[in-house]
Amino acid sequence: MEKLDAKMADQFYSAILSLKTKEECRAFFDDICTIKELQDLMQRLQVASMLSKGMNYLEISKETSVSSATISRVNRCLNYGDGGYNTVLGRLENNE
C-alpha cells in the first residue's frame, strides 16, 4: 500500500479538526469528495457499526448492498487496525 505524504496528511487532518459544526463538516466534505466517495465512506462507517453490534456478513450485505470484500476489509480494520472505527463508534454511542 502506498504511504501518505506526512505533510499533506497533517494538513488534511488539521483541516478536519478545524471544523466546528456538522454544517461546516458537510460543506467541506461535499467540496472535497465526490458523491460516490462520500457514499463509500458513510457505508463503511455503517458496516463498522453493524459489525460491532454482532451482525453477520450476510445480514449486512442484504441491508446495505455492500460487497463481502468491503465488509471483510472493515472487519479487518475493526479487529486489527489502528482503532479509528472503535474510537468513533464509542463516541457516537456515548452521544446517543
C-alpha atoms as a PDB file:
ATOM      1  CA  MET A   1       0.000   0.000   0.000  1.00  0.00           C
ATOM      2  CA  GLU A   2       1.227   3.474  -0.857  1.00  0.00           C
ATOM      3  CA  LYS A   3       2.289   5.652   2.066  1.00  0.00           C
ATOM      4  CA  LEU A   4       0.644   9.013   2.652  1.00  0.00           C
ATOM      5  CA  ASP A   5       2.744  12.158   2.400  1.00  0.00           C
ATOM      6  CA  ALA A   6       3.155  13.159   6.067  1.00  0.00           C
ATOM      7  CA  LYS A   7       2.956  16.908   5.496  1.00  0.00           C
ATOM      8  CA  MET A   8      -0.142  16.653   3.296  1.00  0.00           C
ATOM      9  CA  ALA A   9      -1.788  14.203   5.715  1.00  0.00           C
ATOM     10  CA  ASP A  10      -1.077  16.529   8.646  1.00  0.00           C
ATOM     11  CA  GLN A  11      -2.636  19.455   6.780  1.00  0.00           C
ATOM     12  CA  PHE A  12      -5.687  17.367   5.847  1.00  0.00           C
ATOM     13  CA  TYR A  13      -6.283  16.084   9.376  1.00  0.00           C
ATOM     14  CA  SER A  14      -5.760  19.583  10.789  1.00  0.00           C
ATOM     15  CA  ALA A  15      -8.332  20.893   8.309  1.00  0.00           C
ATOM     16  CA  ILE A  16     -10.860  18.322   9.515  1.00  0.00           C
ATOM     17  CA  LEU A  17     -10.142  19.128  13.156  1.00  0.00           C
ATOM     18  CA  SER A  18     -10.720  22.829  12.432  1.00  0.00           C
ATOM     19  CA  LEU A  19     -14.368  22.178  11.511  1.00  0.00           C
ATOM     20  CA  LYS A  20     -16.723  23.207  14.299  1.00  0.00           C
ATOM     21  CA  THR A  21     -20.231  22.204  13.224  1.00  0.00           C
ATOM     22  CA  LYS A  22     -21.964  19.483  11.246  1.00  0.00           C
ATOM     23  CA  GLU A  23     -22.805  22.114   8.645  1.00  0.00           C
ATOM     24  CA  GLU A  24     -19.122  23.062   8.233  1.00  0.00           C
ATOM     25  CA  CYS A  25     -18.217  19.376   8.049  1.00  0.00           C
ATOM     26  CA  ARG A  26     -20.907  18.703   5.447  1.00  0.00           C
ATOM     27  CA  ALA A  27     -19.786  21.680   3.328  1.00  0.00           C
ATOM     28  CA  PHE A  28     -16.126  20.631   3.483  1.00  0.00           C
ATOM     29  CA  PHE A  29     -16.772  17.008   2.562  1.00  0.00           C
ATOM     30  CA  ASP A  30     -19.254  17.997  -0.159  1.00  0.00           C
ATOM     31  CA  ASP A  31     -16.497  20.151  -1.665  1.00  0.00           C
ATOM     32  CA  ILE A  32     -13.620  17.707  -1.260  1.00  0.00           C
ATOM     33  CA  CYS A  33     -15.328  14.380  -2.094  1.00  0.00           C
ATOM     34  CA  THR A  34     -17.478  13.123  -4.912  1.00  0.00           C
ATOM     35  CA  ILE A  35     -20.933  11.813  -4.032  1.00  0.00           C
ATOM     36  CA  LYS A  36     -19.651   8.254  -4.592  1.00  0.00           C
ATOM     37  CA  GLU A  37     -16.670   8.807  -2.279  1.00  0.00           C
ATOM     38  CA  LEU A  38     -18.951  10.159   0.435  1.00  0.00           C
ATOM     39  CA  GLN A  39     -21.359   7.251  -0.003  1.00  0.00           C
ATOM     40  CA  ASP A  40     -18.460   4.799   0.297  1.00  0.00           C
ATOM     41  CA  LEU A  41     -17.184   6.444   3.486  1.00  0.00           C
ATOM     42  CA  MET A  42     -20.653   6.544   5.008  1.00  0.00           C
ATOM     43  CA  GLN A  43     -21.299   2.904   4.099  1.00  0.00           C
ATOM     44  CA  ARG A  44     -18.025   1.803   5.697  1.00  0.00           C
ATOM     45  CA  LEU A  45     -18.971   3.511   8.945  1.00  0.00           C
ATOM     46  CA  GLN A  46     -22.428   1.911   8.787  1.00  0.00           C
ATOM     47  CA  VAL A  47     -20.829  -1.508   8.195  1.00  0.00           C
ATOM     48  CA  ALA A  48     -18.442  -0.973  11.117  1.00  0.00           C
ATOM     49  CA  SER A  49     -21.378  -0.116  13.357  1.00  0.00           C
ATOM     50  CA  MET A  50     -23.307  -3.199  12.250  1.00  0.00           C
ATOM     51  CA  LEU A  51     -20.292  -5.462  12.752  1.00  0.00           C
ATOM     52  CA  SER A  52     -19.698  -4.034  16.219  1.00  0.00           C
ATOM     53  CA  LYS A  53     -23.308  -4.917  17.066  1.00  0.00           C
ATOM     54  CA  GLY A  54     -22.681  -8.536  16.094  1.00  0.00           C
ATOM     55  CA  MET A  55     -24.390  -8.653  12.713  1.00  0.00           C
ATOM     56  CA  ASN A  56     -23.004 -11.182  10.244  1.00  0.00           C
ATOM     57  CA  TYR A  57     -21.772 -10.548   6.697  1.00  0.00           C
ATOM     58  CA  LEU A  58     -24.940 -11.829   5.035  1.00  0.00           C
ATOM     59  CA  GLU A  59     -27.219  -9.635   7.137  1.00  0.00           C
ATOM     60  CA  ILE A  60     -25.044  -6.596   6.494  1.00  0.00           C
ATOM     61  CA  SER A  61     -24.795  -7.268   2.771  1.00  0.00           C
ATOM     62  CA  LYS A  62     -28.572  -7.669   2.463  1.00  0.00           C
ATOM     63  CA  GLU A  63     -29.290  -4.479   4.386  1.00  0.00           C
ATOM     64  CA  THR A  64     -26.597  -2.274   2.819  1.00  0.00           C
ATOM     65  CA  SER A  65     -25.803  -3.863  -0.574  1.00  0.00           C
ATOM     66  CA  VAL A  66     -22.121  -3.605   0.369  1.00  0.00           C
ATOM     67  CA  SER A  67     -19.862  -6.314  -1.048  1.00  0.00           C
ATOM     68  CA  SER A  68     -18.447  -9.021   1.189  1.00  0.00           C
ATOM     69  CA  ALA A  69     -14.957  -7.738   0.273  1.00  0.00           C
ATOM     70  CA  THR A  70     -15.760  -4.318   1.732  1.00  0.00           C
ATOM     71  CA  ILE A  71     -17.352  -5.863   4.816  1.00  0.00           C
ATOM     72  CA  SER A  72     -14.257  -8.027   5.259  1.00  0.00           C
ATOM     73  CA  ARG A  73     -11.944  -5.020   4.934  1.00  0.00           C
ATOM     74  CA  VAL A  74     -13.927  -3.041   7.510  1.00  0.00           C
ATOM     75  CA  ASN A  75     -13.962  -6.069   9.826  1.00  0.00           C
ATOM     76  CA  ARG A  76     -10.184  -6.419   9.477  1.00  0.00           C
ATOM     77  CA  CYS A  77      -9.768  -2.732  10.379  1.00  0.00           C
ATOM     78  CA  LEU A  78     -12.099  -3.114  13.369  1.00  0.00           C
ATOM     79  CA  ASN A  79     -10.099  -6.045  14.683  1.00  0.00           C
ATOM     80  CA  TYR A  80      -6.529  -5.296  13.604  1.00  0.00           C
ATOM     81  CA  GLY A  81      -6.465  -1.642  12.553  1.00  0.00           C
ATOM     82  CA  ASP A  82      -5.373   1.470  14.400  1.00  0.00           C
ATOM     83  CA  GLY A  83      -8.599   1.772  16.415  1.00  0.00           C
ATOM     84  CA  GLY A  84     -10.174   4.610  14.468  1.00  0.00           C
ATOM     85  CA  TYR A  85     -13.504   2.900  13.920  1.00  0.00           C
ATOM     86  CA  ASN A  86     -13.690   1.839  17.562  1.00  0.00           C
ATOM     87  CA  THR A  87     -12.927   5.374  18.774  1.00  0.00           C
ATOM     88  CA  VAL A  88     -15.610   6.920  16.581  1.00  0.00           C
ATOM     89  CA  LEU A  89     -18.209   4.229  17.279  1.00  0.00           C
ATOM     90  CA  GLY A  90     -17.633   4.519  21.014  1.00  0.00           C
ATOM     91  CA  ARG A  91     -18.032   8.289  20.912  1.00  0.00           C
ATOM     92  CA  LEU A  92     -21.149   8.076  18.752  1.00  0.00           C
ATOM     93  CA  GLU A  93     -22.645   5.564  21.193  1.00  0.00           C
ATOM     94  CA  ASN A  94     -21.866   7.845  24.135  1.00  0.00           C
ATOM     95  CA  ASN A  95     -23.568  10.769  22.381  1.00  0.00           C
ATOM     96  CA  GLU A  96     -26.836   8.882  21.785  1.00  0.00           C
END
